[in-house]
């Protein structure tokens, strides 16, 4: 092979390993992000989008509309762990807002209890 020949393939995709994007980290720095947590770009994130790294810029643009962490991963073709770390970093920097899903309580709702009571009274 001569020195003038190209030895790479443009169609091969990115040459950077996904975890190099996160500095080798596999978890967000200080938060556990649920996969179904909804992410939206903050006003600061919109203003700074053009100054961000390519992956964070893509997240900022994508999250102009609410997206879950797992949707971000799928739409940007990133491993879920990488998406989670990047969103965590952006959250720490105030570039996105995360809306955590509601956790179901241990107790049934009042409406369900009233329906059960009504059904029992009808017996």
Protein backbone atom coordinates (compact mmCIF):
# COMPACT_ATOMS: atom_id res chain seq x y z
CA UNK A 1 0.00 0.00 0.00
CA UNK A 2 1.49 3.33 -1.00
CA UNK A 3 1.39 6.38 1.22
CA UNK A 4 -1.11 8.10 -1.08
CA UNK A 5 -3.81 5.46 -0.74
CA UNK A 6 -6.67 5.99 1.67
CA UNK A 7 -7.08 3.14 4.12
CA UNK A 8 -10.38 4.19 5.70
CA UNK A 9 -13.99 3.95 4.63
CA UNK A 10 -16.20 7.05 4.87
CA UNK A 11 -19.29 4.84 5.06
CA UNK A 12 -18.01 3.00 8.12
CA UNK A 13 -19.52 5.59 10.47
CA UNK A 14 -17.94 7.26 13.48
CA UNK A 15 -14.49 6.12 14.50
CA UNK A 16 -14.81 7.26 18.11
CA UNK A 17 -15.97 4.62 20.55
CA UNK A 18 -19.24 5.62 22.24
CA UNK A 19 -17.77 5.65 25.75
CA UNK A 20 -14.97 7.97 24.64
CA UNK A 21 -17.70 10.59 24.29
CA UNK A 22 -18.41 10.27 28.02
CA UNK A 23 -14.80 10.14 29.13
CA UNK A 24 -15.20 6.46 29.94
CA UNK A 25 -18.01 7.05 32.43
CA UNK A 26 -20.96 4.68 32.36
CA UNK A 27 -23.19 6.52 34.83
CA UNK A 28 -24.25 10.15 35.26
CA UNK A 29 -22.10 12.03 37.75
CA UNK A 30 -24.56 12.51 40.57
CA UNK A 31 -28.05 11.42 39.53
CA UNK A 32 -29.87 8.30 38.53
CA UNK A 33 -31.86 9.07 35.39
CA UNK A 34 -34.88 6.90 34.71
CA UNK A 35 -35.06 5.67 31.12
CA UNK A 36 -38.56 7.09 30.78
CA UNK A 37 -37.71 10.47 32.33
CA UNK A 38 -38.73 13.25 29.95
CA UNK A 39 -36.04 15.68 28.82
CA UNK A 40 -36.48 19.15 27.34
CA UNK A 41 -33.89 21.74 26.38
CA UNK A 42 -33.72 24.71 28.76
CA UNK A 43 -33.55 28.31 27.53
CA UNK A 44 -29.83 28.27 28.38
CA UNK A 45 -29.40 25.06 26.36
CA UNK A 46 -31.11 26.63 23.37
CA UNK A 47 -28.88 29.70 23.59
CA UNK A 48 -25.67 27.67 23.87
CA UNK A 49 -26.56 24.82 21.47
CA UNK A 50 -24.09 25.94 18.79
CA UNK A 51 -21.21 25.86 21.28
CA UNK A 52 -21.80 22.30 22.50
CA UNK A 53 -20.05 19.10 21.49
CA UNK A 54 -21.80 17.37 18.56
CA UNK A 55 -23.62 14.76 20.67
CA UNK A 56 -24.83 17.32 23.19
CA UNK A 57 -25.84 19.67 20.38
CA UNK A 58 -27.90 16.86 18.84
CA UNK A 59 -29.60 16.24 22.19
CA UNK A 60 -30.31 19.97 22.62
CA UNK A 61 -31.91 20.17 19.17
CA UNK A 62 -33.87 16.94 19.60
CA UNK A 63 -35.20 17.97 23.00
CA UNK A 64 -36.87 21.16 21.84
CA UNK A 65 -39.83 18.78 22.21
CA UNK A 66 -40.07 16.41 25.16
CA UNK A 67 -38.14 13.18 24.64
CA UNK A 68 -37.49 10.32 27.03
CA UNK A 69 -33.92 9.26 27.71
CA UNK A 70 -34.51 6.02 25.82
CA UNK A 71 -35.95 7.95 22.83
CA UNK A 72 -32.84 10.14 22.77
CA UNK A 73 -30.73 7.00 22.71
CA UNK A 74 -32.72 5.47 19.85
CA UNK A 75 -33.06 8.60 17.73
CA UNK A 76 -29.37 9.52 18.00
CA UNK A 77 -28.17 5.92 17.68
CA UNK A 78 -26.31 6.10 20.99
CA UNK A 79 -26.06 3.36 23.62
CA UNK A 80 -28.52 4.00 26.45
CA UNK A 81 -25.68 4.39 28.97
CA UNK A 82 -24.02 7.06 26.84
CA UNK A 83 -27.29 8.96 26.38
CA UNK A 84 -27.90 8.79 30.12
CA UNK A 85 -24.43 10.19 30.93
CA UNK A 86 -24.71 12.98 28.35
CA UNK A 87 -28.18 14.00 29.57
CA UNK A 88 -26.89 13.93 33.16
CA UNK A 89 -23.99 16.20 32.23
CA UNK A 90 -26.35 18.56 30.41
CA UNK A 91 -28.68 18.59 33.42
CA UNK A 92 -25.77 19.46 35.73
CA UNK A 93 -24.86 22.34 33.39
CA UNK A 94 -28.44 23.64 33.24
CA UNK A 95 -28.76 22.87 29.53
CA UNK A 96 -31.80 20.59 29.89
CA UNK A 97 -34.64 20.02 32.31
CA UNK A 98 -35.64 16.52 33.34
CA UNK A 99 -39.18 15.69 34.33
CA UNK A 100 -39.22 12.49 36.29
CA UNK A 101 -42.15 10.13 35.81
CA UNK A 102 -44.66 9.93 38.60
CA UNK A 103 -44.09 6.99 40.89
CA UNK A 104 -47.19 4.97 41.65
CA UNK A 105 -48.10 5.08 45.30
CA UNK A 106 -48.61 1.97 47.36
CA UNK A 107 -52.25 2.82 47.93
CA UNK A 108 -55.07 2.59 45.40
CA UNK A 109 -56.74 5.84 44.40
CA UNK A 110 -59.91 7.04 46.11
CA UNK A 111 -61.82 6.60 42.84
CA UNK A 112 -60.94 2.89 42.70
CA UNK A 113 -61.92 2.35 46.33
CA UNK A 114 -65.26 4.08 45.70
CA UNK A 115 -65.91 1.84 42.67
CA UNK A 116 -65.11 -1.28 44.70
CA UNK A 117 -67.41 -0.09 47.50
CA UNK A 118 -70.17 0.64 45.01
CA UNK A 119 -69.75 -2.81 43.47
CA UNK A 120 -69.89 -4.49 46.87
CA UNK A 121 -73.02 -2.57 47.83
CA UNK A 122 -74.67 -3.69 44.60
CA UNK A 123 -74.25 -7.38 45.61
